[in-house]
């Protein structure tokens, strides 16, 4: 089992400044699984809230936001994406990777 957790018990990934230094470093496969589980765990703390409430920009619980940010960093790191990419650049890059996989 892979254990990549920080002091707060959440999975940890490299911070943006470290990603720049180590952009060729690989992400342990279980890290994305752990960060995804952290999202589910954070959501489970609010069983009476709808997804609309949980994901409202003004009411999103801080631990859910943090779990999503950690997951975003893990996925970006896994794909070798720059932490400075815009959302539209990320979507374009993901579609490009999808097209490459679909051709195989």
N, C-alpha and C. Protein backbone atom coordinates (compact mmCIF):
# COMPACT_ATOMS: atom_id res chain seq x y z
N UNK A 1 0.85 -1.19 0.00
CA UNK A 1 0.00 0.00 0.00
C UNK A 1 0.88 1.24 0.00
N UNK A 2 0.46 2.20 -0.73
CA UNK A 2 1.22 3.45 -0.84
C UNK A 2 0.73 4.44 0.20
N UNK A 3 1.64 5.01 0.94
CA UNK A 3 1.28 6.02 1.94
C UNK A 3 2.00 7.31 1.59
N UNK A 4 1.26 8.28 1.16
CA UNK A 4 1.82 9.58 0.83
C UNK A 4 0.95 10.64 1.49
N UNK A 5 1.04 10.72 2.82
CA UNK A 5 0.17 11.64 3.53
C UNK A 5 0.96 12.70 4.26
N UNK A 6 0.33 13.84 4.42
CA UNK A 6 0.96 14.96 5.11
C UNK A 6 0.53 15.01 6.57
N UNK A 7 0.92 16.08 7.24
CA UNK A 7 0.62 16.26 8.66
C UNK A 7 -0.88 16.30 8.94
N UNK A 8 -1.65 16.84 7.98
CA UNK A 8 -3.09 16.96 8.19
C UNK A 8 -3.85 15.70 7.83
N UNK A 9 -3.13 14.64 7.43
CA UNK A 9 -3.77 13.39 7.08
C UNK A 9 -4.22 13.32 5.63
N UNK A 10 -4.14 14.44 4.91
CA UNK A 10 -4.51 14.44 3.50
C UNK A 10 -3.33 14.01 2.65
N UNK A 11 -3.60 13.41 1.48
CA UNK A 11 -2.50 13.07 0.59
C UNK A 11 -1.73 14.33 0.21
N UNK A 12 -0.43 14.19 0.03
CA UNK A 12 0.38 15.34 -0.32
C UNK A 12 0.98 15.18 -1.71
N UNK A 13 1.10 16.28 -2.39
CA UNK A 13 1.77 16.32 -3.68
C UNK A 13 2.73 17.49 -3.64
N UNK A 14 3.57 17.55 -4.65
CA UNK A 14 4.53 18.65 -4.69
C UNK A 14 3.80 19.98 -4.83
N UNK A 15 4.34 20.99 -4.21
CA UNK A 15 3.82 22.34 -4.38
C UNK A 15 4.26 22.85 -5.75
N UNK A 16 3.61 23.90 -6.23
CA UNK A 16 3.88 24.41 -7.58
C UNK A 16 5.35 24.72 -7.80
N UNK A 17 6.00 25.34 -6.81
CA UNK A 17 7.41 25.70 -7.02
C UNK A 17 8.30 24.46 -7.14
N UNK A 18 7.94 23.39 -6.42
CA UNK A 18 8.70 22.15 -6.53
C UNK A 18 8.42 21.44 -7.85
N UNK A 19 7.18 21.58 -8.36
CA UNK A 19 6.84 20.96 -9.63
C UNK A 19 7.72 21.53 -10.74
N UNK A 20 8.01 22.82 -10.66
CA UNK A 20 8.86 23.45 -11.68
C UNK A 20 10.25 22.83 -11.66
N UNK A 21 10.76 22.55 -10.46
CA UNK A 21 12.10 21.99 -10.33
C UNK A 21 12.15 20.53 -10.76
N UNK A 22 11.07 19.79 -10.54
CA UNK A 22 11.07 18.35 -10.76
C UNK A 22 10.02 17.92 -11.77
N UNK A 23 9.89 18.65 -12.88
CA UNK A 23 8.81 18.35 -13.80
C UNK A 23 8.89 16.98 -14.44
N UNK A 24 10.03 16.30 -14.36
CA UNK A 24 10.14 14.96 -14.91
C UNK A 24 9.88 13.88 -13.86
N UNK A 25 9.71 14.27 -12.61
CA UNK A 25 9.49 13.31 -11.55
C UNK A 25 8.13 12.64 -11.72
N UNK A 26 8.08 11.34 -11.48
CA UNK A 26 6.82 10.64 -11.65
C UNK A 26 6.00 10.67 -10.36
N UNK A 27 4.71 10.53 -10.53
CA UNK A 27 3.77 10.52 -9.42
C UNK A 27 3.46 9.07 -9.08
N UNK A 28 3.53 8.69 -7.81
CA UNK A 28 3.13 7.32 -7.46
C UNK A 28 1.68 7.11 -7.90
N UNK A 29 1.37 6.00 -8.58
CA UNK A 29 0.00 5.78 -9.07
C UNK A 29 -1.05 5.88 -7.97
N UNK A 30 -0.69 5.47 -6.77
CA UNK A 30 -1.68 5.50 -5.70
C UNK A 30 -1.97 6.91 -5.21
N UNK A 31 -1.15 7.88 -5.56
CA UNK A 31 -1.37 9.25 -5.07
C UNK A 31 -2.68 9.81 -5.60
N UNK A 32 -2.97 9.58 -6.86
CA UNK A 32 -4.22 10.08 -7.42
C UNK A 32 -5.39 9.37 -6.76
N UNK A 33 -5.24 8.08 -6.51
CA UNK A 33 -6.29 7.33 -5.82
C UNK A 33 -6.51 7.91 -4.42
N UNK A 34 -5.43 8.22 -3.73
CA UNK A 34 -5.55 8.79 -2.39
C UNK A 34 -6.18 10.18 -2.41
N UNK A 35 -5.80 11.00 -3.36
CA UNK A 35 -6.37 12.35 -3.41
C UNK A 35 -7.85 12.29 -3.78
N UNK A 36 -8.21 11.34 -4.65
CA UNK A 36 -9.62 11.16 -5.00
C UNK A 36 -10.41 10.69 -3.78
N UNK A 37 -9.82 9.78 -3.01
CA UNK A 37 -10.49 9.30 -1.80
C UNK A 37 -10.65 10.43 -0.79
N UNK A 38 -9.66 11.32 -0.71
CA UNK A 38 -9.76 12.46 0.20
C UNK A 38 -10.95 13.35 -0.17
N UNK A 39 -11.24 13.47 -1.47
CA UNK A 39 -12.41 14.23 -1.92
C UNK A 39 -13.68 13.55 -1.42
N UNK A 40 -13.76 12.23 -1.62
CA UNK A 40 -14.94 11.49 -1.17
C UNK A 40 -15.10 11.57 0.35
N UNK A 41 -13.99 11.46 1.07
CA UNK A 41 -14.04 11.55 2.53
C UNK A 41 -14.52 12.93 2.99
N UNK A 42 -14.04 13.97 2.34
CA UNK A 42 -14.47 15.33 2.69
C UNK A 42 -15.96 15.51 2.42
N UNK A 43 -16.43 14.97 1.30
CA UNK A 43 -17.86 15.07 0.98
C UNK A 43 -18.71 14.29 1.97
N UNK A 44 -18.19 13.16 2.44
CA UNK A 44 -18.94 12.31 3.38
C UNK A 44 -19.18 13.00 4.72
N UNK A 45 -18.39 14.00 5.03
CA UNK A 45 -18.57 14.74 6.29
C UNK A 45 -19.84 15.59 6.27
N UNK A 46 -20.45 15.73 5.10
CA UNK A 46 -21.62 16.58 4.94
C UNK A 46 -22.75 15.79 4.27
N UNK A 47 -23.25 14.73 4.93
CA UNK A 47 -24.24 13.86 4.29
C UNK A 47 -25.57 14.54 3.97
N UNK A 48 -25.88 15.61 4.66
CA UNK A 48 -27.16 16.29 4.42
C UNK A 48 -27.06 17.40 3.37
N UNK A 49 -25.87 17.62 2.83
CA UNK A 49 -25.68 18.67 1.82
C UNK A 49 -25.77 18.08 0.42
N UNK A 50 -26.41 18.81 -0.45
CA UNK A 50 -26.45 18.40 -1.86
C UNK A 50 -25.11 18.72 -2.51
N UNK A 51 -24.87 18.11 -3.66
CA UNK A 51 -23.64 18.43 -4.40
C UNK A 51 -23.64 19.91 -4.79
N UNK A 52 -24.81 20.44 -5.09
CA UNK A 52 -24.90 21.86 -5.45
C UNK A 52 -24.42 22.73 -4.29
N UNK A 53 -24.80 22.36 -3.08
CA UNK A 53 -24.35 23.13 -1.91
C UNK A 53 -22.86 22.93 -1.66
N UNK A 54 -22.41 21.68 -1.76
CA UNK A 54 -20.99 21.40 -1.50
C UNK A 54 -20.07 22.11 -2.48
N UNK A 55 -20.53 22.26 -3.73
CA UNK A 55 -19.66 22.84 -4.75
C UNK A 55 -19.99 24.29 -5.08
N UNK A 56 -20.82 24.92 -4.28
CA UNK A 56 -21.08 26.35 -4.44
C UNK A 56 -19.82 27.10 -4.03
N UNK A 57 -19.37 28.02 -4.85
CA UNK A 57 -18.13 28.77 -4.58
C UNK A 57 -18.13 29.45 -3.22
N UNK A 58 -19.29 29.89 -2.78
CA UNK A 58 -19.35 30.65 -1.52
C UNK A 58 -19.52 29.77 -0.28
N UNK A 59 -19.94 28.52 -0.47
CA UNK A 59 -20.20 27.66 0.69
C UNK A 59 -19.38 26.38 0.71
N UNK A 60 -18.49 26.20 -0.24
CA UNK A 60 -17.71 24.96 -0.31
C UNK A 60 -16.87 24.80 0.96
N UNK A 61 -16.99 23.64 1.63
CA UNK A 61 -16.19 23.42 2.84
C UNK A 61 -14.69 23.49 2.53
N UNK A 62 -13.92 24.12 3.40
CA UNK A 62 -12.48 24.28 3.15
C UNK A 62 -11.74 22.97 2.92
N UNK A 63 -12.11 21.91 3.65
CA UNK A 63 -11.40 20.64 3.46
C UNK A 63 -11.72 20.01 2.11
N UNK A 64 -12.92 20.26 1.58
CA UNK A 64 -13.26 19.76 0.25
C UNK A 64 -12.48 20.53 -0.81
N UNK A 65 -12.40 21.84 -0.65
CA UNK A 65 -11.63 22.66 -1.60
C UNK A 65 -10.16 22.22 -1.60
N UNK A 66 -9.60 22.03 -0.40
CA UNK A 66 -8.19 21.62 -0.29
C UNK A 66 -7.98 20.24 -0.92
N UNK A 67 -8.91 19.32 -0.69
CA UNK A 67 -8.79 17.98 -1.27
C UNK A 67 -8.80 18.05 -2.80
N UNK A 68 -9.65 18.91 -3.35
CA UNK A 68 -9.69 19.08 -4.81
C UNK A 68 -8.39 19.71 -5.33
N UNK A 69 -7.86 20.67 -4.60
CA UNK A 69 -6.61 21.30 -5.03
C UNK A 69 -5.46 20.30 -5.03
N UNK A 70 -5.41 19.44 -4.02
CA UNK A 70 -4.37 18.41 -3.96
C UNK A 70 -4.54 17.42 -5.12
N UNK A 71 -5.79 17.06 -5.42
CA UNK A 71 -6.05 16.15 -6.53
C UNK A 71 -5.65 16.80 -7.86
N UNK A 72 -5.99 18.06 -8.02
CA UNK A 72 -5.60 18.78 -9.25
C UNK A 72 -4.09 18.77 -9.42
N UNK A 73 -3.35 19.04 -8.35
CA UNK A 73 -1.89 19.04 -8.43
C UNK A 73 -1.35 17.66 -8.78
N UNK A 74 -1.93 16.62 -8.18
CA UNK A 74 -1.47 15.25 -8.46
C UNK A 74 -1.70 14.89 -9.92
N UNK A 75 -2.86 15.24 -10.45
CA UNK A 75 -3.17 14.93 -11.85
C UNK A 75 -2.27 15.74 -12.78
N UNK A 76 -2.09 17.02 -12.49
CA UNK A 76 -1.21 17.86 -13.31
C UNK A 76 0.21 17.29 -13.31
N UNK A 77 0.66 16.89 -12.14
CA UNK A 77 2.00 16.33 -12.01
C UNK A 77 2.11 15.02 -12.79
N UNK A 78 1.08 14.19 -12.71
CA UNK A 78 1.09 12.90 -13.41
C UNK A 78 1.16 13.08 -14.92
N UNK A 79 0.50 14.10 -15.43
CA UNK A 79 0.50 14.36 -16.87
C UNK A 79 1.67 15.24 -17.30
N UNK A 80 2.47 15.68 -16.36
CA UNK A 80 3.61 16.52 -16.71
C UNK A 80 3.20 17.91 -17.16
N UNK A 81 2.04 18.36 -16.71
CA UNK A 81 1.53 19.67 -17.10
C UNK A 81 2.14 20.76 -16.24
N UNK A 82 2.24 21.92 -16.81
CA UNK A 82 2.76 23.08 -16.09
C UNK A 82 1.71 23.58 -15.10
N UNK A 83 2.12 23.92 -13.90
CA UNK A 83 1.15 24.45 -12.94
C UNK A 83 0.61 25.82 -13.34
N UNK A 84 1.21 26.45 -14.34
CA UNK A 84 0.77 27.78 -14.78
C UNK A 84 -0.25 27.71 -15.92
N UNK A 85 -0.61 26.49 -16.36
CA UNK A 85 -1.55 26.36 -17.47
C UNK A 85 -2.93 26.89 -17.07
N UNK A 86 -3.61 27.50 -18.04
CA UNK A 86 -4.98 27.94 -17.81
C UNK A 86 -5.91 26.74 -17.95
N UNK A 87 -7.14 26.91 -17.51
CA UNK A 87 -8.10 25.81 -17.61
C UNK A 87 -8.32 25.39 -19.07
N UNK A 88 -8.41 26.36 -19.98
CA UNK A 88 -8.62 26.01 -21.39
C UNK A 88 -7.40 25.29 -21.97
N UNK A 89 -6.20 25.66 -21.53
CA UNK A 89 -4.99 24.96 -21.98
C UNK A 89 -4.97 23.52 -21.45
N UNK A 90 -5.42 23.35 -20.23
CA UNK A 90 -5.48 22.01 -19.64
C UNK A 90 -6.46 21.14 -20.41
N UNK A 91 -7.64 21.67 -20.69
CA UNK A 91 -8.65 20.91 -21.44
C UNK A 91 -8.12 20.54 -22.82
N UNK A 92 -7.48 21.48 -23.50
CA UNK A 92 -6.92 21.21 -24.83
C UNK A 92 -5.86 20.11 -24.76
N UNK A 93 -5.01 20.16 -23.75
CA UNK A 93 -3.96 19.15 -23.58
C UNK A 93 -4.56 17.77 -23.28
N UNK A 94 -5.59 17.73 -22.46
CA UNK A 94 -6.24 16.45 -22.14
C UNK A 94 -6.91 15.86 -23.38
N UNK A 95 -7.55 16.69 -24.20
CA UNK A 95 -8.16 16.19 -25.43
C UNK A 95 -7.09 15.67 -26.38
N UNK A 96 -5.97 16.35 -26.44
CA UNK A 96 -4.86 15.91 -27.29
C UNK A 96 -4.38 14.53 -26.84
N UNK A 97 -4.21 14.34 -25.53
CA UNK A 97 -3.78 13.05 -25.00
C UNK A 97 -4.83 11.98 -25.27
N UNK A 98 -6.10 12.33 -25.16
CA UNK A 98 -7.18 11.39 -25.44
C UNK A 98 -7.14 10.95 -26.90
N UNK A 99 -6.95 11.90 -27.81
CA UNK A 99 -6.87 11.57 -29.23
C UNK A 99 -5.71 10.63 -29.51
N UNK A 100 -4.57 10.86 -28.86
CA UNK A 100 -3.41 9.99 -29.03
C UNK A 100 -3.73 8.57 -28.56
N UNK A 101 -4.40 8.45 -27.44
CA UNK A 101 -4.77 7.12 -26.92
C UNK A 101 -5.80 6.45 -27.81
N UNK A 102 -6.74 7.22 -28.33
CA UNK A 102 -7.80 6.66 -29.17
C UNK A 102 -7.25 6.12 -30.49
N UNK A 103 -6.15 6.67 -30.97
CA UNK A 103 -5.54 6.21 -32.22
C UNK A 103 -4.83 4.87 -32.06
N UNK A 104 -4.48 4.51 -30.84
CA UNK A 104 -3.72 3.27 -30.61
C UNK A 104 -4.56 2.04 -30.75
